[in-house]
Protein backbone atom coordinates (compact mmCIF):
# COMPACT_ATOMS: atom_id res chain seq x y z
CA MET A 1 0.00 0.00 0.00
CA PRO A 2 1.24 3.53 -0.65
CA GLU A 3 2.59 5.33 2.40
CA VAL A 4 0.19 7.92 3.83
CA GLU A 5 1.90 11.19 4.59
CA ALA A 6 1.29 12.35 8.16
CA THR A 7 -0.63 15.58 8.69
CA PRO A 8 1.74 18.37 9.81
CA TYR A 9 1.16 19.34 13.41
CA TRP A 10 0.04 22.86 12.44
CA LEU A 11 -2.91 21.43 10.49
CA ASP A 12 -3.97 18.95 13.19
CA GLY A 13 -5.97 19.14 16.42
CA ASN A 14 -6.42 22.66 17.74
CA PHE A 15 -3.66 23.92 15.49
CA ALA A 16 -5.90 23.29 12.47
CA PRO A 17 -7.48 26.38 10.90
CA VAL A 18 -11.10 27.41 11.20
CA GLN A 19 -12.89 28.22 7.97
CA GLU A 20 -15.55 30.77 8.92
CA GLU A 21 -15.59 34.30 10.19
CA ILE A 22 -18.28 34.76 12.82
CA THR A 23 -19.54 37.43 15.21
CA SER A 24 -21.25 36.55 18.48
CA VAL A 25 -22.81 39.04 20.89
CA THR A 26 -24.26 36.43 23.24
CA LEU A 27 -21.39 35.19 25.36
CA GLU A 28 -21.72 33.22 28.57
CA VAL A 29 -19.45 34.42 31.37
CA GLU A 30 -18.37 32.32 34.33
CA GLY A 31 -17.15 34.46 37.23
CA ALA A 32 -16.92 38.26 37.12
CA ILE A 33 -15.11 40.33 34.50
CA PRO A 34 -13.29 43.22 36.24
CA PRO A 35 -15.55 46.25 35.69
CA GLU A 36 -12.53 48.48 34.96
CA PHE A 37 -11.94 46.71 31.64
CA SER A 38 -12.90 48.78 28.61
CA GLY A 39 -11.32 47.58 25.40
CA VAL A 40 -10.58 44.61 23.18
CA TYR A 41 -8.30 41.64 23.62
CA ALA A 42 -7.00 40.75 20.15
CA ARG A 43 -4.76 37.82 19.26
CA ASN A 44 -3.19 37.00 15.92
CA GLY A 45 -2.29 33.63 14.42
CA ALA A 46 -1.85 31.66 11.24
CA ASN A 47 -5.07 30.37 9.69
CA PRO A 48 -4.55 29.32 6.06
CA ARG A 49 -7.60 30.22 4.01
CA ASP A 50 -7.36 27.11 1.83
CA GLY A 51 -6.59 24.84 4.80
CA HIS A 52 -2.96 24.19 3.85
CA SER A 53 0.41 25.86 4.41
CA GLY A 54 4.07 24.91 4.23
CA HIS A 55 4.66 25.71 7.91
CA TRP A 56 2.80 26.90 11.01
CA PHE A 57 4.32 30.36 10.48
CA LEU A 58 3.13 30.73 6.87
CA GLY A 59 -0.69 30.63 7.04
CA ASP A 60 -2.90 33.65 6.41
CA GLY A 61 -3.31 35.90 9.42
CA MET A 62 -6.52 35.70 11.43
CA ILE A 63 -7.28 37.89 14.45
CA HIS A 64 -9.61 36.68 17.18
CA GLY A 65 -10.98 39.37 19.48
CA VAL A 66 -13.22 39.79 22.52
CA ALA A 67 -14.59 43.17 23.62
CA LEU A 68 -14.90 43.67 27.39
CA ARG A 69 -16.69 46.69 28.85
CA ASP A 70 -18.44 47.51 32.15
CA GLY A 71 -18.17 43.95 33.41
CA ARG A 72 -19.65 42.50 30.18
CA ALA A 73 -18.31 40.52 27.25
CA ASP A 74 -19.85 42.55 24.41
CA TRP A 75 -18.70 40.46 21.45
CA TYR A 76 -16.39 37.85 20.02
CA ARG A 77 -15.35 38.02 16.38
CA ASN A 78 -12.64 36.57 14.19
CA ARG A 79 -11.42 38.15 10.97
CA TRP A 80 -8.80 37.26 8.41
CA VAL A 81 -6.34 40.07 7.71
CA ARG A 82 -7.14 41.11 4.13
CA THR A 83 -3.64 41.17 2.66
CA PRO A 84 -3.11 41.09 -1.12
CA ARG A 85 -2.03 37.47 -0.72
CA PHE A 86 -5.26 36.59 1.06
CA GLU A 87 -7.24 38.27 -1.71
CA GLY A 88 -5.28 36.53 -4.48
CA ARG A 89 -3.49 39.72 -5.56
CA ALA A 90 0.04 38.95 -4.36
CA SER A 91 2.85 40.02 -6.65
CA GLY A 92 4.70 36.70 -6.39
CA ASN A 93 7.86 38.51 -5.28
CA PRO A 94 8.92 37.03 -1.90
CA LEU A 95 10.59 40.34 -1.00
CA ASP A 96 7.45 42.41 -1.65
CA LEU A 97 6.75 44.32 1.57
CA ARG A 98 3.03 44.16 0.76
CA GLY A 99 3.05 40.48 -0.17
CA SER A 100 2.94 38.61 3.12
CA VAL A 101 0.39 37.29 5.61
CA ALA A 102 0.25 39.61 8.70
CA ASN A 103 -0.20 36.61 11.01
CA THR A 104 2.02 37.03 14.06
CA SER A 105 1.09 39.78 16.50
CA VAL A 106 -1.12 42.77 17.27
CA VAL A 107 0.42 46.01 18.59
CA ALA A 108 -1.15 49.39 19.33
CA HIS A 109 0.83 52.65 19.27
CA ALA A 110 -0.01 56.35 18.78
CA GLY A 111 -3.68 55.67 18.09
CA ARG A 112 -3.02 53.00 15.47
CA THR A 113 -3.34 49.23 15.78
CA PHE A 114 -1.13 47.00 13.64
CA ALA A 115 -1.28 43.36 12.57
CA LEU A 116 2.35 42.33 12.14
CA VAL A 117 4.56 39.74 10.51
CA GLU A 118 8.32 40.11 10.34
CA ASN A 119 8.78 40.14 6.55
CA ALA A 120 6.35 42.90 5.59
CA LEU A 121 5.03 46.36 6.37
CA PRO A 122 2.62 46.68 9.30
CA MET A 123 -1.06 46.34 8.42
CA ARG A 124 -3.47 48.70 10.17
CA ILE A 125 -6.65 47.22 11.61
CA GLY A 126 -9.77 48.90 12.94
CA PRO A 127 -11.71 48.64 16.22
CA GLU A 128 -13.81 45.73 14.97
CA LEU A 129 -10.77 43.91 13.52
CA GLU A 130 -11.38 45.19 9.99
CA THR A 131 -8.39 45.60 7.69
CA LEU A 132 -7.54 49.23 6.90
CA GLY A 133 -4.36 48.96 4.82
CA TYR A 134 -0.58 48.98 5.03
CA GLU A 135 1.36 51.61 6.99
CA ASP A 136 4.65 52.79 5.48
CA PHE A 137 5.09 55.90 7.67
CA GLY A 138 4.59 58.34 4.83
CA GLY A 139 6.83 56.35 2.49
CA ARG A 140 9.80 56.46 4.88
CA LEU A 141 9.73 52.78 5.89
CA THR A 142 11.43 50.69 3.19
CA THR A 143 12.24 47.53 5.17
CA PRO A 144 10.12 44.89 6.88
CA PHE A 145 8.76 45.63 10.36
CA THR A 146 9.37 43.12 13.17
CA ALA A 147 6.41 41.40 14.84
CA HIS A 148 7.96 42.39 18.21
CA PRO A 149 8.40 46.16 18.43
CA LYS A 150 9.01 47.67 21.86
CA ILE A 151 7.29 50.74 23.28
CA CYS A 152 9.48 52.66 25.72
CA PRO A 153 7.29 53.45 28.74
CA GLU A 154 9.34 56.56 29.55
CA THR A 155 9.45 58.25 26.13
CA GLY A 156 6.50 56.65 24.30
CA GLU A 157 8.84 55.84 21.39
CA LEU A 158 8.27 52.74 19.28
CA HIS A 159 11.52 50.84 18.67
CA PHE A 160 11.59 48.21 15.95
CA PHE A 161 13.75 46.63 13.26
CA GLY A 162 13.52 44.88 9.93
CA TYR A 163 15.62 41.99 8.66
CA SER A 164 15.95 40.72 5.13
CA PRO A 165 17.68 37.98 3.08
CA ARG A 166 19.34 40.74 1.02
CA PRO A 167 21.58 43.57 2.24
CA PRO A 168 21.23 45.42 4.43
CA PHE A 169 20.36 42.34 6.44
CA LEU A 170 19.30 44.40 9.48
CA THR A 171 17.90 47.93 9.93
CA TYR A 172 16.94 49.51 13.25
CA HIS A 173 14.13 52.09 13.40
CA VAL A 174 12.55 54.45 15.92
CA ALA A 175 9.15 56.14 15.72
CA ASP A 176 8.39 58.97 18.12
CA ALA A 177 5.49 59.01 20.57
CA ALA A 178 3.24 60.56 17.91
CA GLY A 179 3.98 57.70 15.50
CA ALA A 180 6.37 59.47 13.07
CA LEU A 181 9.40 57.51 11.87
CA VAL A 182 12.41 59.54 13.05
CA ARG A 183 15.44 57.20 12.83
CA SER A 184 16.61 54.36 10.61
CA VAL A 185 20.07 52.82 11.02
CA ALA A 186 21.47 50.00 8.85
CA LEU A 187 23.50 47.59 10.99
CA PRO A 188 26.14 45.16 9.69
CA LEU A 189 25.56 41.40 9.77
CA PRO A 190 27.73 38.74 8.09
CA ALA A 191 24.74 36.68 6.89
CA PRO A 192 20.93 36.81 6.72
CA VAL A 193 19.69 35.22 9.95
CA MET A 194 16.18 34.75 11.33
CA MET A 195 15.85 37.53 13.92
CA HIS A 196 12.39 37.32 15.42
CA ASP A 197 12.81 39.61 18.44
CA PHE A 198 15.23 41.98 20.14
CA ALA A 199 15.64 43.74 23.49
CA LEU A 200 15.27 47.32 24.69
CA THR A 201 16.63 48.83 27.90
CA ARG A 202 16.68 52.39 29.22
CA GLY A 203 19.99 53.04 27.45
CA HIS A 204 20.52 50.31 24.84
CA VAL A 205 19.01 48.03 22.22
CA VAL A 206 20.26 44.46 21.84
CA PHE A 207 20.03 42.42 18.64
CA MET A 208 20.39 38.63 18.40
CA ASP A 209 22.65 37.30 15.62
CA LEU A 210 21.99 33.60 16.21
CA PRO A 211 22.76 30.50 14.09
CA VAL A 212 19.45 29.99 12.25
CA VAL A 213 20.34 31.18 8.77
CA PHE A 214 18.46 31.82 5.51
CA ASP A 215 18.33 28.76 3.21
CA LEU A 216 17.31 29.37 -0.40
CA GLY A 217 16.52 25.71 -1.05
CA MET A 218 13.96 25.66 1.72
CA ALA A 219 12.46 28.88 0.42
CA LEU A 220 11.97 27.24 -2.97
CA ARG A 221 10.29 24.24 -1.28
CA GLY A 222 7.67 26.51 0.32
CA THR A 223 8.57 26.01 3.97
CA MET A 224 10.23 28.34 6.47
CA PRO A 225 13.46 29.30 4.68
CA PHE A 226 15.82 28.99 7.65
CA ALA A 227 17.94 26.21 9.17
CA TRP A 228 20.47 25.68 11.95
CA SER A 229 24.09 26.44 11.08
CA ASP A 230 27.07 25.00 12.97
CA THR A 231 29.38 27.57 11.38
CA HIS A 232 27.54 30.79 12.21
CA ALA A 233 28.97 32.27 15.41
CA PRO A 234 26.18 33.25 17.87
CA ARG A 235 26.43 36.73 19.34
CA LEU A 236 24.48 39.70 20.67
CA GLY A 237 24.82 43.19 19.23
CA VAL A 238 24.67 45.98 21.85
CA LEU A 239 23.89 49.47 20.57
CA PRO A 240 23.47 52.58 22.74
CA ARG A 241 20.12 54.24 22.08
CA GLY A 242 20.61 57.20 19.76
CA ALA A 243 24.02 56.01 18.49
CA GLY A 244 25.03 55.08 14.95
CA ALA A 245 26.19 51.73 13.59
CA GLU A 246 29.82 52.51 14.49
CA ALA A 247 28.92 52.17 18.21
CA LEU A 248 27.58 48.61 17.84
CA ARG A 249 29.60 46.06 19.84
CA TRP A 250 29.30 42.30 19.74
CA VAL A 251 29.12 39.89 22.68
CA ALA A 252 29.50 36.12 22.30
CA VAL A 253 26.91 33.66 23.63
CA GLU A 254 26.55 29.88 23.62
CA PRO A 255 25.02 28.34 20.47
CA GLY A 256 21.24 28.41 20.69
CA TYR A 257 18.22 30.27 19.41
CA VAL A 258 15.69 32.72 20.86
CA PHE A 259 12.33 33.61 19.36
CA HIS A 260 11.15 35.69 22.32
CA VAL A 261 12.69 38.08 24.81
CA GLY A 262 10.66 38.43 27.99
CA ASN A 263 12.36 41.70 28.92
CA ALA A 264 15.72 43.37 29.45
CA TYR A 265 17.03 46.03 31.82
CA GLU A 266 20.20 47.66 33.14
CA GLU A 267 21.64 47.27 36.64
CA ALA A 268 23.29 50.13 38.51
CA ASP A 269 26.79 49.15 37.34
CA GLY A 270 25.71 49.08 33.69
CA THR A 271 25.24 45.30 33.40
CA LEU A 272 22.54 44.40 30.88
CA VAL A 273 20.16 41.60 31.92
CA LEU A 274 18.01 39.75 29.35
CA ASP A 275 15.44 37.04 30.17
CA VAL A 276 14.68 34.91 27.12
CA ALA A 277 13.02 31.67 25.98
CA TRP A 278 16.16 29.81 24.83
CA TYR A 279 16.42 26.80 22.52
CA PRO A 280 19.66 24.78 22.68
CA GLU A 281 19.16 24.09 18.96
CA LEU A 282 16.49 24.86 16.37
CA TRP A 283 15.68 23.47 12.91
CA ARG A 284 18.75 21.39 12.18
CA GLY A 285 18.12 20.34 8.58
CA GLY A 286 15.09 22.64 8.52
CA PRO A 287 11.79 22.81 10.43
CA SER A 288 10.05 19.57 11.41
CA ALA A 289 6.47 18.79 10.38
CA SER A 290 5.92 16.54 13.42
CA HIS A 291 7.07 18.65 16.37
CA PHE A 292 8.42 21.98 17.56
CA GLU A 293 11.56 22.10 19.70
CA GLN A 294 11.35 23.09 23.37
CA ALA A 295 12.72 26.21 25.03
CA ARG A 296 13.54 27.05 28.64
CA LEU A 297 13.87 30.32 30.52
CA ARG A 298 17.45 31.61 30.36
CA ARG A 299 19.13 34.76 31.62
CA TRP A 300 21.94 36.54 29.77
CA ARG A 301 24.06 39.04 31.71
CA ILE A 302 26.35 41.39 29.76
CA GLY A 303 28.84 43.25 31.91
CA PRO A 304 30.20 46.67 30.89
CA GLY A 305 32.80 46.13 28.18
CA ALA A 306 32.40 42.33 28.28
CA ASP A 307 32.95 40.33 25.10
CA ARG A 308 30.97 37.31 26.35
CA ALA A 309 27.65 37.07 28.18
CA ARG A 310 27.24 35.13 31.40
CA GLU A 311 24.41 32.62 31.00
CA SER A 312 22.21 30.74 33.45
CA ASP A 313 18.94 28.84 33.23
CA LEU A 314 16.19 30.14 35.52
CA ASP A 315 14.05 27.00 35.12
CA ASP A 316 14.33 23.59 33.50
CA ARG A 317 10.69 23.38 32.39
CA ALA A 318 9.71 23.83 28.75
CA ILE A 319 8.17 27.29 28.33
CA GLU A 320 7.43 29.85 25.63
CA PHE A 321 5.69 33.19 25.07
CA PRO A 322 7.31 35.03 28.02
CA ARG A 323 5.47 38.27 28.86
CA ILE A 324 5.71 41.04 31.44
CA ASP A 325 3.73 44.07 32.52
CA GLU A 326 4.74 46.19 29.53
CA ARG A 327 4.86 49.31 31.68
CA ARG A 328 8.19 47.75 32.76
CA THR A 329 9.60 47.31 29.23
CA GLY A 330 13.32 48.07 29.42
CA LEU A 331 13.14 48.39 33.22
CA ALA A 332 13.66 45.83 35.98
CA HIS A 333 10.70 43.46 36.06
CA GLY A 334 9.72 41.68 39.25
CA ALA A 335 7.50 39.13 37.54
CA LEU A 336 7.46 37.28 34.23
CA TYR A 337 4.67 35.06 32.89
CA ALA A 338 5.13 32.18 30.41
CA VAL A 339 3.16 29.28 28.95
CA GLN A 340 4.43 25.86 29.96
CA THR A 341 4.59 23.97 26.67
CA GLY A 342 3.95 20.37 27.69
CA ALA A 343 0.70 20.26 25.71
CA GLY A 344 0.98 20.63 21.96
CA PRO A 345 3.47 19.82 19.21
CA SER A 346 6.42 20.01 21.61
CA GLY A 347 5.05 17.52 24.10
CA ASP A 348 2.18 15.30 25.18
CA ALA A 349 -0.93 16.47 23.32
CA SER A 350 -3.11 14.97 26.05
CA ALA A 351 -1.39 16.85 28.90
CA ASP A 352 -3.01 19.76 30.69
CA GLY A 353 -1.43 23.07 29.76
CA ALA A 354 -0.19 25.55 32.33
CA LEU A 355 0.82 29.17 32.87
CA VAL A 356 3.80 29.98 35.09
CA ARG A 357 4.39 33.21 37.03
CA TYR A 358 8.06 33.70 37.88
CA ASP A 359 8.74 35.92 40.89
CA LEU A 360 12.24 37.01 39.91
CA VAL A 361 12.79 39.03 43.09
CA ARG A 362 12.13 36.20 45.55
CA GLY A 363 13.17 33.36 43.25
CA ARG A 364 9.77 31.64 43.43
CA ASP A 365 7.19 30.56 40.91
CA ALA A 366 3.50 29.71 40.82
CA THR A 367 1.61 27.69 38.24
CA HIS A 368 -1.96 27.65 36.99
CA VAL A 369 -2.89 24.30 35.45
CA PHE A 370 -5.70 24.41 32.90
CA ALA A 371 -7.52 21.12 33.47
CA ARG A 372 -8.68 19.75 30.10
CA GLY A 373 -7.17 22.82 28.44
CA ILE A 374 -4.41 24.01 26.12
CA PRO A 375 -3.47 27.68 26.62
CA SER A 376 -2.19 30.13 24.05
CA GLU A 377 -0.06 33.10 25.09
CA PHE A 378 -1.36 35.20 27.99
CA ALA A 379 -1.02 39.00 27.85
CA HIS A 380 -0.77 41.31 30.84
CA VAL A 381 -3.48 43.91 31.46
CA PRO A 382 -2.70 46.73 33.93
CA GLY A 383 -5.10 47.11 36.82
CA ALA A 384 -6.28 50.15 38.73
CA SER A 385 -4.05 48.91 41.54
CA GLY A 386 -1.81 45.95 42.27
CA GLU A 387 -0.22 43.66 39.71
CA GLY A 388 -3.15 43.64 37.31
CA TRP A 389 -4.48 40.78 35.23
CA LEU A 390 -3.53 38.16 32.67
CA MET A 391 -5.75 37.06 29.82
CA GLY A 392 -5.53 34.59 26.98
CA PHE A 393 -7.38 31.92 25.03
CA VAL A 394 -7.58 28.36 26.36
CA TYR A 395 -8.91 25.47 24.28
CA ASP A 396 -11.24 23.19 26.28
CA ARG A 397 -10.81 19.64 24.96
CA VAL A 398 -14.10 18.48 26.47
CA ARG A 399 -16.24 21.35 25.21
CA GLY A 400 -14.44 21.41 21.86
CA ALA A 401 -14.35 25.21 22.01
CA SER A 402 -12.21 27.93 23.57
CA ASP A 403 -12.56 30.36 26.47
CA LEU A 404 -11.04 33.74 27.16
CA VAL A 405 -9.61 33.19 30.62
CA ILE A 406 -8.79 36.05 33.02
CA LEU A 407 -6.42 35.46 35.94
CA ALA A 408 -5.19 37.70 38.76
CA ALA A 409 -1.55 38.32 37.83
CA SER A 410 -0.42 38.22 41.47
CA ASP A 411 -2.12 34.87 42.15
CA VAL A 412 -2.06 32.83 38.96
CA ALA A 413 -2.55 29.54 40.82
CA ALA A 414 -6.00 30.65 41.99
CA ALA A 415 -9.21 29.92 40.12
CA PRO A 416 -9.84 32.21 37.14
CA VAL A 417 -11.40 35.57 37.93
CA ALA A 418 -13.58 35.07 34.85
CA ARG A 419 -13.96 32.73 31.93
CA VAL A 420 -15.74 33.92 28.77
CA HIS A 421 -17.09 30.92 26.88
CA LEU A 422 -16.65 31.40 23.14
CA PRO A 423 -18.92 29.80 20.53
CA ARG A 424 -16.04 28.10 18.71
CA ARG A 425 -12.46 26.97 19.13
CA VAL A 426 -9.63 29.45 18.67
CA PRO A 427 -6.68 27.65 17.02
CA GLN A 428 -3.32 27.74 18.77
CA GLY A 429 -1.77 30.93 17.53
CA PHE A 430 0.86 33.50 18.36
CA HIS A 431 0.64 36.89 20.06
CA GLY A 432 -2.11 39.06 21.48
CA THR A 433 -2.56 42.31 23.32
CA TRP A 434 -5.08 44.29 25.33
CA ILE A 435 -6.18 47.42 23.41
CA PRO A 436 -7.88 49.91 25.76
CA ASP A 437 -10.65 52.04 24.34
CA ALA A 438 -9.45 55.49 23.33
């Protein structure tokens, strides 16, 4: 008999796409939604329109949102991001900044909300998740826009970068608090690497030149065009904020890969501290269709003038999607929150998922286990007082649908503050954010 090809993990179970856009204004709520909430939780992810894609990261973007106001859940809706590719109008040029899928994150800045993917311009979306069109900052942005920009809580600036398989391989940008692009600096790299995230501190930005390198053959095969390289030296690029490329200095690190930086900050003596989800190795021979590698929480410390970072693991559990209270971006963070990744393509698909709160001041942690559930990333929502809240989508295996779960950030092990039952499942996706009403 002919061999049956296994379904890739990103098209199976709760990773599989949904095929309808719906709007529901009748949502059952278990518990009590904090009455101070007034806004929309929106989360992006890959949801291939035709049901197929060459990798989890390559499907059409779909945003799932829930509006919360005055203690009510006003609506749930999901909408594809209407890119030219989604609408069948893509140019066919893989370097076209308007030719990608806008499937990775949602970020709000200066009155605009963006759906982001790291190889294209940002796509503006409206208050009901409608697509408004690409943003090129008045024609000044000519590189891709990372899916992980950082907003400085002290200046209101938006810091971001773009990377490309053609020179310049890396360009760093800054938009001011009003949303105008005010700086663009090309930075030297020896090769085109996959650079998904970076770090911001009060005085520096840090870029990750890690050994997952562009592979043309994989690009031609229609999968993620990057693979592990044993010959690419891993390092971090440290650039003082406001300086030019000539001030960039490089710091060696152990071989490994990082998709996501939880946060970074500076100590009194000038040491830079970065907390990251670190993979010992990623995509040797290219991405797997059967599993995703596992990361653990690692800390990099870069002393003043050091040419090598000091490295230590903060936990041995498999985690991803580290988040903080973003009012502490670039500043010392007392707490960090991450999804424990035992349930899903990296582990036992029948295991209960969990969310971990790391108390980095006292060296403790607390865990919320989602019985019968698989969590996606949880975002932090500031509260009127205290540590605030965490919210994210959790797939309920028994109900066959998802909930928006709200936890007290200071007591994640406790029962949820509220659970909004959604009328359908939300596939495992990527990054979300709380967007307060204007």
